[in-house]
Amino acid sequence: MGFPAGAIPGIDVSHYQAVVNWTTVASGGEQFAFAKASEGISVSDPYFVDNWAGIKAAGLLRGAYHFYHPNYDPAAQANIFLQSLSKANGGSPVLAPGDLPPALDIEVTNGATPANLIAGAASWLATVAAATGKTPIVYTFVSFWKTTLGNPTDLSNYPLWIAEYGVNAPIVPGGWTNWLFWQFAMQQLAGVPSQTTDLDAFNGSLADLQQLAS
């Protein structure tokens, strides 16, 4: 179960990875990185500002994500994400060339019904799209989307970042027809001090990835 043929390699990080040496990560062949910006309604990732600058300085394409908690107000969650992004991004949430679309990490219910979760996520996605100027990406796990949520199709107009390990190709759930990003493994990586790092693949060429970030 190796790296998918023809895809472009990257990683995603949060405070769990601590201080990343982005120059080392880039020299290892990674082409992009997503960094956690925020979670819930009040948590800004303490490493995000440094990661956001460091990813770009190392020559990688960069993206930011928010960890979604369905039991909190989606407008407040969009606000904390946009505040965190603005703080790292020169005072503005508007994304520039070299910045990948923002992503919403959906992997817990916090007791919310699938319908309420999807409605709240849709609100977050619309708000963040309007503020950043880019259509956000939906991140989720295959098992969570299919089993826990009942395989809804409501958000399939947003690009998919799917997580599934130990397979040659991920299952594409809901109403999606293909994946844009695939989180396919966790392992140690040079330049990252934590024991494991999420490894990702972009489904396309480097030119396609650069176009996505343009």
N, C-alpha and C. Protein backbone atom coordinates (compact mmCIF):
# COMPACT_ATOMS: atom_id res chain seq x y z
N MET A 1 0.84 -1.19 0.00
CA MET A 1 0.00 0.00 0.00
C MET A 1 0.88 1.24 0.00
N GLY A 2 1.48 1.54 -1.14
CA GLY A 2 2.39 2.66 -1.22
C GLY A 2 1.72 3.92 -1.72
N PHE A 3 2.57 4.87 -2.11
CA PHE A 3 2.06 6.15 -2.60
C PHE A 3 1.34 5.95 -3.93
N PRO A 4 0.16 6.58 -4.10
CA PRO A 4 -0.59 6.37 -5.34
C PRO A 4 0.15 6.90 -6.57
N ALA A 5 0.23 6.08 -7.59
CA ALA A 5 0.97 6.42 -8.80
C ALA A 5 0.37 7.66 -9.47
N GLY A 6 1.26 8.56 -9.86
CA GLY A 6 0.83 9.74 -10.59
C GLY A 6 0.33 10.89 -9.74
N ALA A 7 0.21 10.69 -8.43
CA ALA A 7 -0.28 11.74 -7.54
C ALA A 7 0.88 12.62 -7.06
N ILE A 8 0.52 13.73 -6.42
CA ILE A 8 1.51 14.68 -5.91
C ILE A 8 1.53 14.59 -4.38
N PRO A 9 2.71 14.44 -3.76
CA PRO A 9 2.79 14.22 -2.32
C PRO A 9 2.73 15.50 -1.48
N GLY A 10 2.11 15.37 -0.31
CA GLY A 10 2.06 16.47 0.65
C GLY A 10 1.74 15.93 2.03
N ILE A 11 1.63 16.83 3.01
CA ILE A 11 1.31 16.43 4.37
C ILE A 11 0.31 17.41 4.97
N ASP A 12 -0.25 17.01 6.13
CA ASP A 12 -1.02 17.96 6.93
C ASP A 12 -0.58 17.87 8.37
N VAL A 13 -0.62 19.02 9.06
CA VAL A 13 -0.07 19.11 10.41
C VAL A 13 -0.99 19.93 11.31
N SER A 14 -0.76 19.75 12.60
CA SER A 14 -1.43 20.56 13.62
C SER A 14 -0.44 20.75 14.76
N HIS A 15 -0.94 21.20 15.92
CA HIS A 15 -0.04 21.38 17.06
C HIS A 15 0.60 20.08 17.51
N TYR A 16 0.01 18.93 17.15
CA TYR A 16 0.59 17.65 17.52
C TYR A 16 1.97 17.44 16.90
N GLN A 17 2.22 18.08 15.78
CA GLN A 17 3.52 17.93 15.12
C GLN A 17 4.56 18.92 15.64
N ALA A 18 4.12 19.87 16.48
CA ALA A 18 5.03 20.86 17.09
C ALA A 18 5.76 21.67 16.02
N VAL A 19 7.03 21.97 16.24
CA VAL A 19 7.78 22.87 15.35
C VAL A 19 8.32 22.07 14.16
N VAL A 20 7.79 22.35 12.99
CA VAL A 20 8.18 21.62 11.77
C VAL A 20 9.31 22.38 11.07
N ASN A 21 10.30 21.64 10.60
CA ASN A 21 11.35 22.20 9.75
C ASN A 21 10.87 22.07 8.30
N TRP A 22 10.26 23.14 7.80
CA TRP A 22 9.62 23.06 6.48
C TRP A 22 10.63 22.96 5.36
N THR A 23 11.84 23.47 5.54
CA THR A 23 12.87 23.32 4.52
C THR A 23 13.22 21.85 4.33
N THR A 24 13.32 21.13 5.44
CA THR A 24 13.60 19.70 5.37
C THR A 24 12.44 18.94 4.73
N VAL A 25 11.23 19.31 5.10
CA VAL A 25 10.05 18.67 4.50
C VAL A 25 10.04 18.86 2.99
N ALA A 26 10.31 20.07 2.56
CA ALA A 26 10.33 20.36 1.12
C ALA A 26 11.44 19.60 0.40
N SER A 27 12.61 19.51 1.03
CA SER A 27 13.72 18.81 0.39
C SER A 27 13.45 17.32 0.28
N GLY A 28 12.50 16.81 1.07
CA GLY A 28 12.12 15.41 1.00
C GLY A 28 11.15 15.11 -0.13
N GLY A 29 10.70 16.14 -0.84
CA GLY A 29 9.85 15.91 -2.00
C GLY A 29 8.41 16.30 -1.85
N GLU A 30 8.00 16.72 -0.65
CA GLU A 30 6.60 17.14 -0.49
C GLU A 30 6.36 18.43 -1.27
N GLN A 31 5.16 18.56 -1.82
CA GLN A 31 4.83 19.71 -2.67
C GLN A 31 3.80 20.64 -2.05
N PHE A 32 3.11 20.18 -1.03
CA PHE A 32 2.08 21.01 -0.40
C PHE A 32 1.91 20.59 1.05
N ALA A 33 1.27 21.46 1.82
CA ALA A 33 0.97 21.14 3.22
C ALA A 33 -0.27 21.91 3.66
N PHE A 34 -1.11 21.23 4.40
CA PHE A 34 -2.23 21.86 5.09
C PHE A 34 -1.88 21.95 6.57
N ALA A 35 -2.18 23.09 7.18
CA ALA A 35 -1.94 23.29 8.61
C ALA A 35 -3.26 23.62 9.30
N LYS A 36 -3.44 23.04 10.46
CA LYS A 36 -4.65 23.35 11.25
C LYS A 36 -4.60 24.79 11.72
N ALA A 37 -5.70 25.51 11.46
CA ALA A 37 -5.79 26.90 11.90
C ALA A 37 -6.60 27.04 13.17
N SER A 38 -7.67 26.23 13.30
CA SER A 38 -8.60 26.44 14.41
C SER A 38 -9.45 25.21 14.64
N GLU A 39 -10.16 25.24 15.78
CA GLU A 39 -11.04 24.14 16.15
C GLU A 39 -12.18 24.69 16.98
N GLY A 40 -13.40 24.21 16.72
CA GLY A 40 -14.54 24.65 17.50
C GLY A 40 -14.79 26.13 17.37
N ILE A 41 -15.11 26.79 18.51
CA ILE A 41 -15.43 28.22 18.48
C ILE A 41 -14.39 29.10 19.15
N SER A 42 -13.36 28.49 19.74
CA SER A 42 -12.43 29.31 20.52
C SER A 42 -10.97 28.89 20.43
N VAL A 43 -10.66 27.83 19.70
CA VAL A 43 -9.30 27.31 19.69
C VAL A 43 -8.58 27.70 18.41
N SER A 44 -7.54 28.49 18.52
CA SER A 44 -6.63 28.77 17.42
C SER A 44 -5.38 27.92 17.64
N ASP A 45 -4.98 27.19 16.62
CA ASP A 45 -3.80 26.33 16.76
C ASP A 45 -2.57 27.20 17.04
N PRO A 46 -1.84 26.92 18.12
CA PRO A 46 -0.71 27.79 18.50
C PRO A 46 0.45 27.78 17.52
N TYR A 47 0.51 26.79 16.63
CA TYR A 47 1.60 26.71 15.66
C TYR A 47 1.20 27.23 14.28
N PHE A 48 -0.06 27.65 14.13
CA PHE A 48 -0.53 27.96 12.78
C PHE A 48 0.18 29.14 12.15
N VAL A 49 0.36 30.21 12.88
CA VAL A 49 1.01 31.39 12.31
C VAL A 49 2.39 31.03 11.76
N ASP A 50 3.17 30.31 12.55
CA ASP A 50 4.51 29.91 12.10
C ASP A 50 4.44 28.93 10.94
N ASN A 51 3.50 27.99 11.00
CA ASN A 51 3.36 27.03 9.91
C ASN A 51 2.97 27.72 8.61
N TRP A 52 2.03 28.64 8.70
CA TRP A 52 1.54 29.33 7.50
C TRP A 52 2.69 30.06 6.80
N ALA A 53 3.52 30.73 7.57
CA ALA A 53 4.68 31.42 7.00
C ALA A 53 5.75 30.44 6.54
N GLY A 54 6.00 29.42 7.35
CA GLY A 54 7.08 28.48 7.05
C GLY A 54 6.82 27.64 5.82
N ILE A 55 5.58 27.25 5.62
CA ILE A 55 5.25 26.44 4.43
C ILE A 55 5.56 27.23 3.17
N LYS A 56 5.14 28.48 3.12
CA LYS A 56 5.38 29.30 1.94
C LYS A 56 6.87 29.59 1.75
N ALA A 57 7.56 29.90 2.85
CA ALA A 57 8.99 30.21 2.76
C ALA A 57 9.79 29.03 2.20
N ALA A 58 9.31 27.80 2.46
CA ALA A 58 10.00 26.61 1.97
C ALA A 58 9.64 26.28 0.53
N GLY A 59 8.74 27.06 -0.06
CA GLY A 59 8.40 26.85 -1.46
C GLY A 59 7.27 25.87 -1.69
N LEU A 60 6.56 25.50 -0.62
CA LEU A 60 5.43 24.59 -0.75
C LEU A 60 4.13 25.37 -0.92
N LEU A 61 3.17 24.77 -1.59
CA LEU A 61 1.82 25.32 -1.62
C LEU A 61 1.17 25.05 -0.28
N ARG A 62 0.40 26.02 0.24
CA ARG A 62 -0.09 25.89 1.60
C ARG A 62 -1.61 26.00 1.66
N GLY A 63 -2.17 25.29 2.65
CA GLY A 63 -3.59 25.35 2.91
C GLY A 63 -3.85 25.36 4.40
N ALA A 64 -5.05 25.81 4.79
CA ALA A 64 -5.44 25.87 6.20
C ALA A 64 -6.73 25.09 6.40
N TYR A 65 -6.86 24.45 7.58
CA TYR A 65 -8.11 23.72 7.84
C TYR A 65 -8.64 24.02 9.24
N HIS A 66 -9.95 23.76 9.39
CA HIS A 66 -10.65 23.93 10.66
C HIS A 66 -11.24 22.60 11.07
N PHE A 67 -11.06 22.24 12.35
CA PHE A 67 -11.66 21.01 12.90
C PHE A 67 -13.06 21.36 13.40
N TYR A 68 -14.07 20.76 12.78
CA TYR A 68 -15.46 21.14 13.01
C TYR A 68 -16.09 20.36 14.17
N HIS A 69 -16.76 21.10 15.06
CA HIS A 69 -17.53 20.49 16.15
C HIS A 69 -19.01 20.82 15.95
N PRO A 70 -19.82 19.84 15.56
CA PRO A 70 -21.22 20.09 15.21
C PRO A 70 -22.09 20.63 16.34
N ASN A 71 -21.64 20.51 17.58
CA ASN A 71 -22.44 21.02 18.70
C ASN A 71 -22.22 22.51 18.94
N TYR A 72 -21.35 23.15 18.17
CA TYR A 72 -21.12 24.58 18.28
C TYR A 72 -21.69 25.31 17.07
N ASP A 73 -21.99 26.59 17.26
CA ASP A 73 -22.56 27.41 16.20
C ASP A 73 -21.62 27.48 15.00
N PRO A 74 -22.10 27.15 13.80
CA PRO A 74 -21.22 27.17 12.62
C PRO A 74 -20.72 28.57 12.27
N ALA A 75 -21.53 29.59 12.52
CA ALA A 75 -21.08 30.96 12.24
C ALA A 75 -19.90 31.33 13.13
N ALA A 76 -19.98 30.95 14.41
CA ALA A 76 -18.88 31.22 15.33
C ALA A 76 -17.63 30.43 14.93
N GLN A 77 -17.84 29.22 14.42
CA GLN A 77 -16.70 28.41 13.98
C GLN A 77 -16.06 29.00 12.73
N ALA A 78 -16.87 29.50 11.82
CA ALA A 78 -16.32 30.16 10.65
C ALA A 78 -15.54 31.40 11.07
N ASN A 79 -16.06 32.09 12.07
CA ASN A 79 -15.42 33.32 12.53
C ASN A 79 -14.04 33.05 13.14
N ILE A 80 -13.92 32.01 13.97
CA ILE A 80 -12.62 31.73 14.58
C ILE A 80 -11.62 31.29 13.52
N PHE A 81 -12.10 30.55 12.52
CA PHE A 81 -11.20 30.15 11.44
C PHE A 81 -10.71 31.37 10.66
N LEU A 82 -11.63 32.25 10.31
CA LEU A 82 -11.25 33.44 9.54
C LEU A 82 -10.37 34.38 10.34
N GLN A 83 -10.61 34.46 11.64
CA GLN A 83 -9.74 35.27 12.50
C GLN A 83 -8.33 34.69 12.54
N SER A 84 -8.24 33.37 12.70
CA SER A 84 -6.93 32.71 12.75
C SER A 84 -6.20 32.86 11.43
N LEU A 85 -6.93 32.69 10.34
CA LEU A 85 -6.31 32.83 9.02
C LEU A 85 -5.84 34.27 8.80
N SER A 86 -6.67 35.22 9.16
CA SER A 86 -6.31 36.63 8.97
C SER A 86 -5.06 37.00 9.77
N LYS A 87 -4.98 36.51 11.00
CA LYS A 87 -3.82 36.82 11.84
C LYS A 87 -2.53 36.35 11.19
N ALA A 88 -2.59 35.18 10.55
CA ALA A 88 -1.38 34.62 9.91
C ALA A 88 -1.15 35.19 8.52
N ASN A 89 -2.19 35.78 7.93
CA ASN A 89 -2.18 36.11 6.52
C ASN A 89 -2.17 37.63 6.28
N GLY A 90 -1.49 38.35 7.14
CA GLY A 90 -1.34 39.78 6.94
C GLY A 90 -2.59 40.59 7.19
N GLY A 91 -3.49 40.06 8.02
CA GLY A 91 -4.68 40.81 8.40
C GLY A 91 -5.89 40.58 7.52
N SER A 92 -5.79 39.69 6.54
CA SER A 92 -6.91 39.44 5.63
C SER A 92 -7.13 37.93 5.46
N PRO A 93 -8.41 37.50 5.36
CA PRO A 93 -8.69 36.09 5.10
C PRO A 93 -8.65 35.75 3.61
N VAL A 94 -8.48 36.75 2.76
CA VAL A 94 -8.49 36.50 1.32
C VAL A 94 -7.22 35.75 0.93
N LEU A 95 -7.40 34.63 0.25
CA LEU A 95 -6.26 33.79 -0.12
C LEU A 95 -5.64 34.25 -1.43
N ALA A 96 -4.33 34.13 -1.50
CA ALA A 96 -3.56 34.64 -2.64
C ALA A 96 -3.03 33.49 -3.48
N PRO A 97 -2.46 33.79 -4.66
CA PRO A 97 -1.80 32.73 -5.43
C PRO A 97 -0.75 32.01 -4.59
N GLY A 98 -0.76 30.71 -4.67
CA GLY A 98 0.10 29.89 -3.83
C GLY A 98 -0.61 29.31 -2.63
N ASP A 99 -1.84 29.80 -2.39
CA ASP A 99 -2.64 29.30 -1.27
C ASP A 99 -3.72 28.35 -1.79
N LEU A 100 -3.76 27.17 -1.21
CA LEU A 100 -4.79 26.20 -1.56
C LEU A 100 -6.12 26.58 -0.91
N PRO A 101 -7.23 26.04 -1.39
CA PRO A 101 -8.52 26.33 -0.76
C PRO A 101 -8.53 25.88 0.71
N PRO A 102 -9.31 26.55 1.55
CA PRO A 102 -9.44 26.11 2.94
C PRO A 102 -10.17 24.78 3.01
N ALA A 103 -10.01 24.09 4.13
CA ALA A 103 -10.64 22.78 4.28
C ALA A 103 -11.38 22.70 5.62
N LEU A 104 -12.47 21.95 5.61
CA LEU A 104 -13.26 21.71 6.82
C LEU A 104 -13.15 20.24 7.19
N ASP A 105 -12.59 19.98 8.36
CA ASP A 105 -12.39 18.62 8.87
C ASP A 105 -13.65 18.17 9.60
N ILE A 106 -14.35 17.20 9.01
CA ILE A 106 -15.60 16.69 9.58
C ILE A 106 -15.39 15.23 9.96
N GLU A 107 -15.27 14.96 11.26
CA GLU A 107 -15.01 13.58 11.68
C GLU A 107 -15.60 13.24 13.05
N VAL A 108 -16.34 14.17 13.67
CA VAL A 108 -17.02 13.89 14.93
C VAL A 108 -18.45 14.42 14.84
N THR A 109 -19.34 13.83 15.66
CA THR A 109 -20.73 14.30 15.68
C THR A 109 -21.06 15.13 16.91
N ASN A 110 -20.36 14.89 18.02
CA ASN A 110 -20.68 15.58 19.29
C ASN A 110 -22.16 15.47 19.62
N GLY A 111 -22.78 14.37 19.22
CA GLY A 111 -24.18 14.16 19.53
C GLY A 111 -25.16 14.77 18.54
N ALA A 112 -24.67 15.48 17.54
CA ALA A 112 -25.56 16.09 16.54
C ALA A 112 -26.11 15.03 15.59
N THR A 113 -27.30 15.26 15.09
CA THR A 113 -27.85 14.37 14.07
C THR A 113 -27.11 14.61 12.76
N PRO A 114 -27.09 13.62 11.87
CA PRO A 114 -26.46 13.84 10.57
C PRO A 114 -27.02 15.06 9.84
N ALA A 115 -28.33 15.25 9.90
CA ALA A 115 -28.94 16.38 9.19
C ALA A 115 -28.45 17.72 9.75
N ASN A 116 -28.38 17.82 11.07
CA ASN A 116 -27.91 19.06 11.69
C ASN A 116 -26.42 19.29 11.41
N LEU A 117 -25.65 18.22 11.43
CA LEU A 117 -24.22 18.33 11.14
C LEU A 117 -24.01 18.86 9.72
N ILE A 118 -24.72 18.27 8.77
CA ILE A 118 -24.56 18.67 7.37
C ILE A 118 -25.01 20.12 7.17
N ALA A 119 -26.11 20.50 7.79
CA ALA A 119 -26.60 21.87 7.65
C ALA A 119 -25.60 22.88 8.20
N GLY A 120 -25.04 22.58 9.37
CA GLY A 120 -24.05 23.47 9.97
C GLY A 120 -22.78 23.55 9.15
N ALA A 121 -22.34 22.39 8.65
CA ALA A 121 -21.14 22.38 7.81
C ALA A 121 -21.35 23.19 6.54
N ALA A 122 -22.53 23.06 5.95
CA ALA A 122 -22.84 23.82 4.74
C ALA A 122 -22.77 25.32 5.00
N SER A 123 -23.24 25.73 6.18
CA SER A 123 -23.18 27.14 6.55
C SER A 123 -21.73 27.60 6.67
N TRP A 124 -20.91 26.82 7.35
CA TRP A 124 -19.48 27.15 7.49
C TRP A 124 -18.83 27.27 6.12
N LEU A 125 -19.06 26.32 5.27
CA LEU A 125 -18.43 26.28 3.95
C LEU A 125 -18.80 27.51 3.12
N ALA A 126 -20.08 27.89 3.15
CA ALA A 126 -20.53 29.05 2.39
C ALA A 126 -19.92 30.34 2.91
N THR A 127 -19.87 30.47 4.24
CA THR A 127 -19.29 31.67 4.85
C THR A 127 -17.81 31.80 4.52
N VAL A 128 -17.08 30.72 4.64
CA VAL A 128 -15.64 30.74 4.41
C VAL A 128 -15.33 30.93 2.93
N ALA A 129 -16.14 30.37 2.06
CA ALA A 129 -15.94 30.58 0.62
C ALA A 129 -16.06 32.05 0.27
N ALA A 130 -17.08 32.70 0.82
CA ALA A 130 -17.29 34.11 0.53
C ALA A 130 -16.15 34.98 1.06
N ALA A 131 -15.62 34.62 2.22
CA ALA A 131 -14.58 35.45 2.85
C ALA A 131 -13.20 35.24 2.25
N THR A 132 -12.90 34.01 1.82
CA THR A 132 -11.55 33.70 1.34
C THR A 132 -11.42 33.82 -0.17
N GLY A 133 -12.54 33.75 -0.88
CA GLY A 133 -12.51 33.80 -2.33
C GLY A 133 -12.22 32.47 -2.99
N LYS A 134 -12.21 31.39 -2.22
CA LYS A 134 -11.96 30.06 -2.78
C LYS A 134 -12.97 29.06 -2.23
N THR A 135 -13.40 28.14 -3.09
CA THR A 135 -14.35 27.10 -2.68
C THR A 135 -13.66 26.11 -1.74
N PRO A 136 -14.15 25.94 -0.51
CA PRO A 136 -13.48 25.06 0.45
C PRO A 136 -13.57 23.58 0.07
N ILE A 137 -12.75 22.81 0.74
CA ILE A 137 -12.66 21.36 0.57
C ILE A 137 -13.25 20.69 1.81
N VAL A 138 -13.95 19.58 1.62
CA VAL A 138 -14.49 18.79 2.72
C VAL A 138 -13.55 17.62 3.00
N TYR A 139 -13.06 17.54 4.25
CA TYR A 139 -12.23 16.42 4.70
C TYR A 139 -13.07 15.50 5.58
N THR A 140 -12.96 14.20 5.35
CA THR A 140 -13.64 13.25 6.22
C THR A 140 -13.04 11.87 6.06
N PHE A 141 -13.44 10.95 6.95
CA PHE A 141 -13.06 9.55 6.88
C PHE A 141 -14.15 8.76 6.17
N VAL A 142 -13.76 7.75 5.41
CA VAL A 142 -14.74 6.92 4.70
C VAL A 142 -15.75 6.33 5.67
N SER A 143 -15.28 5.70 6.74
CA SER A 143 -16.18 5.02 7.67
C SER A 143 -17.11 6.00 8.36
N PHE A 144 -16.59 7.17 8.70
CA PHE A 144 -17.43 8.17 9.37
C PHE A 144 -18.54 8.64 8.45
N TRP A 145 -18.18 8.97 7.21
CA TRP A 145 -19.18 9.50 6.28
C TRP A 145 -20.23 8.46 5.92
N LYS A 146 -19.77 7.23 5.67
CA LYS A 146 -20.71 6.20 5.20
C LYS A 146 -21.53 5.62 6.34
N THR A 147 -20.90 5.29 7.44
CA THR A 147 -21.58 4.56 8.51
C THR A 147 -22.21 5.50 9.53
N THR A 148 -21.41 6.43 10.05
CA THR A 148 -21.92 7.31 11.10
C THR A 148 -22.95 8.29 10.56
N LEU A 149 -22.68 8.87 9.40
CA LEU A 149 -23.59 9.88 8.85
C LEU A 149 -24.61 9.31 7.87
N GLY A 150 -24.43 8.06 7.46
CA GLY A 150 -25.40 7.47 6.54
C GLY A 150 -25.16 7.81 5.08
N ASN A 151 -23.92 8.22 4.75
CA ASN A 151 -23.52 8.46 3.37
C ASN A 151 -24.30 9.58 2.68
N PRO A 152 -24.42 10.76 3.29
CA PRO A 152 -25.18 11.85 2.67
C PRO A 152 -24.49 12.39 1.42
N THR A 153 -25.26 12.98 0.54
CA THR A 153 -24.73 13.52 -0.71
C THR A 153 -24.75 15.05 -0.74
N ASP A 154 -25.21 15.66 0.33
CA ASP A 154 -25.49 17.10 0.33
C ASP A 154 -24.29 18.00 0.04
N LEU A 155 -23.10 17.58 0.42
CA LEU A 155 -21.93 18.45 0.29
C LEU A 155 -21.04 18.07 -0.89
N SER A 156 -21.56 17.25 -1.78
CA SER A 156 -20.73 16.73 -2.87
C SER A 156 -20.41 17.77 -3.93
N ASN A 157 -20.97 18.99 -3.81
CA ASN A 157 -20.57 20.07 -4.71
C ASN A 157 -19.26 20.71 -4.26
N TYR A 158 -18.76 20.32 -3.10
CA TYR A 158 -17.44 20.76 -2.64
C TYR A 158 -16.42 19.66 -2.93
N PRO A 159 -15.16 20.01 -3.22
CA PRO A 159 -14.14 18.99 -3.46
C PRO A 159 -13.93 18.12 -2.22
N LEU A 160 -13.50 16.89 -2.45
CA LEU A 160 -13.35 15.90 -1.38
C LEU A 160 -11.90 15.63 -1.05
N TRP A 161 -11.62 15.68 0.26
CA TRP A 161 -10.34 15.22 0.82
C TRP A 161 -10.71 14.04 1.71
N ILE A 162 -10.34 12.85 1.27
CA ILE A 162 -10.80 11.63 1.95
C ILE A 162 -9.64 10.98 2.70
N ALA A 163 -9.94 10.41 3.85
CA ALA A 163 -8.94 9.69 4.65
C ALA A 163 -9.30 8.21 4.69
N GLU A 164 -8.39 7.40 4.24
CA GLU A 164 -8.52 5.94 4.35
C GLU A 164 -7.13 5.34 4.22
N TYR A 165 -6.77 4.48 5.17
CA TYR A 165 -5.43 3.91 5.22
C TYR A 165 -5.45 2.43 4.83
N GLY A 166 -4.31 1.95 4.37
CA GLY A 166 -4.14 0.54 4.11
C GLY A 166 -4.87 0.01 2.89
N VAL A 167 -5.15 0.87 1.95
CA VAL A 167 -5.83 0.45 0.72
C VAL A 167 -5.06 0.99 -0.49
N ASN A 168 -5.27 0.38 -1.63
CA ASN A 168 -4.62 0.84 -2.86
C ASN A 168 -5.30 2.06 -3.44
N ALA A 169 -6.58 2.21 -3.15
CA ALA A 169 -7.35 3.37 -3.59
C ALA A 169 -8.49 3.57 -2.61
N PRO A 170 -8.81 4.82 -2.27
CA PRO A 170 -9.86 5.04 -1.27
C PRO A 170 -11.25 4.88 -1.85
N ILE A 171 -12.18 4.49 -0.99
CA ILE A 171 -13.59 4.52 -1.34
C ILE A 171 -14.03 5.98 -1.44
N VAL A 172 -14.82 6.29 -2.43
CA VAL A 172 -15.35 7.65 -2.59
C VAL A 172 -16.80 7.63 -2.14
N PRO A 173 -17.12 8.25 -1.00
CA PRO A 173 -18.47 8.13 -0.43
C PRO A 173 -19.42 9.20 -0.98
N GLY A 174 -20.63 9.19 -0.43
CA GLY A 174 -21.62 10.23 -0.71
C GLY A 174 -21.89 10.40 -2.19
N GLY A 175 -22.07 11.64 -2.61
CA GLY A 175 -22.35 11.93 -4.00
C GLY A 175 -21.13 12.29 -4.81
N TRP A 176 -19.94 12.18 -4.21
CA TRP A 176 -18.71 12.50 -4.94
C TRP A 176 -18.41 11.43 -5.99
N THR A 177 -17.75 11.83 -7.04
CA THR A 177 -17.33 10.89 -8.07
C THR A 177 -15.84 10.61 -8.03
N ASN A 178 -15.09 11.46 -7.32
CA ASN A 178 -13.65 11.26 -7.22
C ASN A 178 -13.12 12.07 -6.04
N TRP A 179 -11.89 11.78 -5.63
CA TRP A 179 -11.25 12.52 -4.55
C TRP A 179 -10.26 13.53 -5.13
N LEU A 180 -10.11 14.65 -4.43
CA LEU A 180 -9.12 15.66 -4.81
C LEU A 180 -7.83 15.45 -4.01
N PHE A 181 -7.99 15.24 -2.70
CA PHE A 181 -6.86 14.89 -1.84
C PHE A 181 -7.19 13.59 -1.11
N TRP A 182 -6.15 12.81 -0.83
CA TRP A 182 -6.31 11.54 -0.11
C TRP A 182 -5.26 11.48 0.99
N GLN A 183 -5.73 11.39 2.23
CA GLN A 183 -4.84 11.13 3.36
C GLN A 183 -4.73 9.61 3.47
N PHE A 184 -3.57 9.09 3.08
CA PHE A 184 -3.46 7.65 2.87
C PHE A 184 -2.60 6.92 3.89
N ALA A 185 -1.86 7.66 4.74
CA ALA A 185 -0.99 6.98 5.70
C ALA A 185 -0.58 7.95 6.79
N MET A 186 -0.05 7.37 7.87
CA MET A 186 0.59 8.12 8.95
C MET A 186 1.94 7.47 9.21
N GLN A 187 3.00 8.28 9.19
CA GLN A 187 4.32 7.73 9.48
C GLN A 187 5.27 8.86 9.85
N GLN A 188 6.47 8.49 10.30
CA GLN A 188 7.47 9.49 10.61
C GLN A 188 7.97 10.14 9.33
N LEU A 189 8.33 11.41 9.44
CA LEU A 189 8.79 12.15 8.26
C LEU A 189 9.93 13.07 8.68
N ALA A 190 10.98 13.12 7.88
CA ALA A 190 12.11 14.00 8.17
C ALA A 190 11.65 15.45 8.22
N GLY A 191 12.06 16.14 9.26
CA GLY A 191 11.69 17.53 9.44
C GLY A 191 10.53 17.75 10.38
N VAL A 192 9.87 16.65 10.78
CA VAL A 192 8.72 16.73 11.67
C VAL A 192 9.05 15.96 12.95
N PRO A 193 9.04 16.63 14.10
CA PRO A 193 9.51 15.98 15.33
C PRO A 193 8.57 14.95 15.93
N SER A 194 7.30 14.96 15.54
CA SER A 194 6.36 14.01 16.14
C SER A 194 6.61 12.60 15.62
N GLN A 195 6.04 11.62 16.33
CA GLN A 195 6.25 10.24 15.93
C GLN A 195 5.61 9.92 14.58
N THR A 196 4.48 10.55 14.29
CA THR A 196 3.81 10.31 13.02
C THR A 196 3.31 11.62 12.42
N THR A 197 3.16 11.61 11.12
CA THR A 197 2.62 12.74 10.37
C THR A 197 1.65 12.19 9.33
N ASP A 198 0.57 12.91 9.09
CA ASP A 198 -0.38 12.51 8.06
C ASP A 198 0.21 12.75 6.69
N LEU A 199 0.18 11.72 5.85
CA LEU A 199 0.66 11.83 4.48
C LEU A 199 -0.53 11.94 3.53
N ASP A 200 -0.42 12.83 2.56
CA ASP A 200 -1.52 13.09 1.65
C ASP A 200 -1.06 13.02 0.20
N ALA A 201 -2.02 12.85 -0.68
CA ALA A 201 -1.77 12.84 -2.11
C ALA A 201 -2.77 13.76 -2.80
N PHE A 202 -2.31 14.48 -3.81
CA PHE A 202 -3.20 15.28 -4.65
C PHE A 202 -3.47 14.52 -5.93
N ASN A 203 -4.72 14.46 -6.32
CA ASN A 203 -5.14 13.66 -7.47
C ASN A 203 -5.02 14.49 -8.75
N GLY A 204 -3.80 14.58 -9.27
CA GLY A 204 -3.56 15.34 -10.48
C GLY A 204 -2.09 15.62 -10.64
N SER A 205 -1.76 16.43 -11.62
CA SER A 205 -0.37 16.79 -11.88
C SER A 205 0.04 17.97 -11.02
N LEU A 206 1.33 18.27 -11.01
CA LEU A 206 1.81 19.44 -10.28
C LEU A 206 1.21 20.71 -10.88
N ALA A 207 1.06 20.73 -12.19
CA ALA A 207 0.42 21.89 -12.83
C ALA A 207 -1.03 22.05 -12.38
N ASP A 208 -1.71 20.92 -12.20
CA ASP A 208 -3.09 20.95 -11.70
C ASP A 208 -3.13 21.52 -10.29
N LEU A 209 -2.17 21.09 -9.46
CA LEU A 209 -2.11 21.57 -8.08
C LEU A 209 -1.82 23.06 -8.04
N GLN A 210 -0.90 23.49 -8.87
CA GLN A 210 -0.57 24.91 -8.94
C GLN A 210 -1.77 25.73 -9.43
N GLN A 211 -2.53 25.15 -10.35
CA GLN A 211 -3.74 25.84 -10.82
C GLN A 211 -4.77 25.97 -9.71
N LEU A 212 -4.90 24.92 -8.89
CA LEU A 212 -5.82 24.96 -7.75
C LEU A 212 -5.43 26.06 -6.78
N ALA A 213 -4.13 26.31 -6.66
CA ALA A 213 -3.64 27.33 -5.75
C ALA A 213 -3.52 28.71 -6.39
N SER A 214 -3.96 28.85 -7.61
CA SER A 214 -3.82 30.13 -8.29
C SER A 214 -5.06 30.99 -8.12
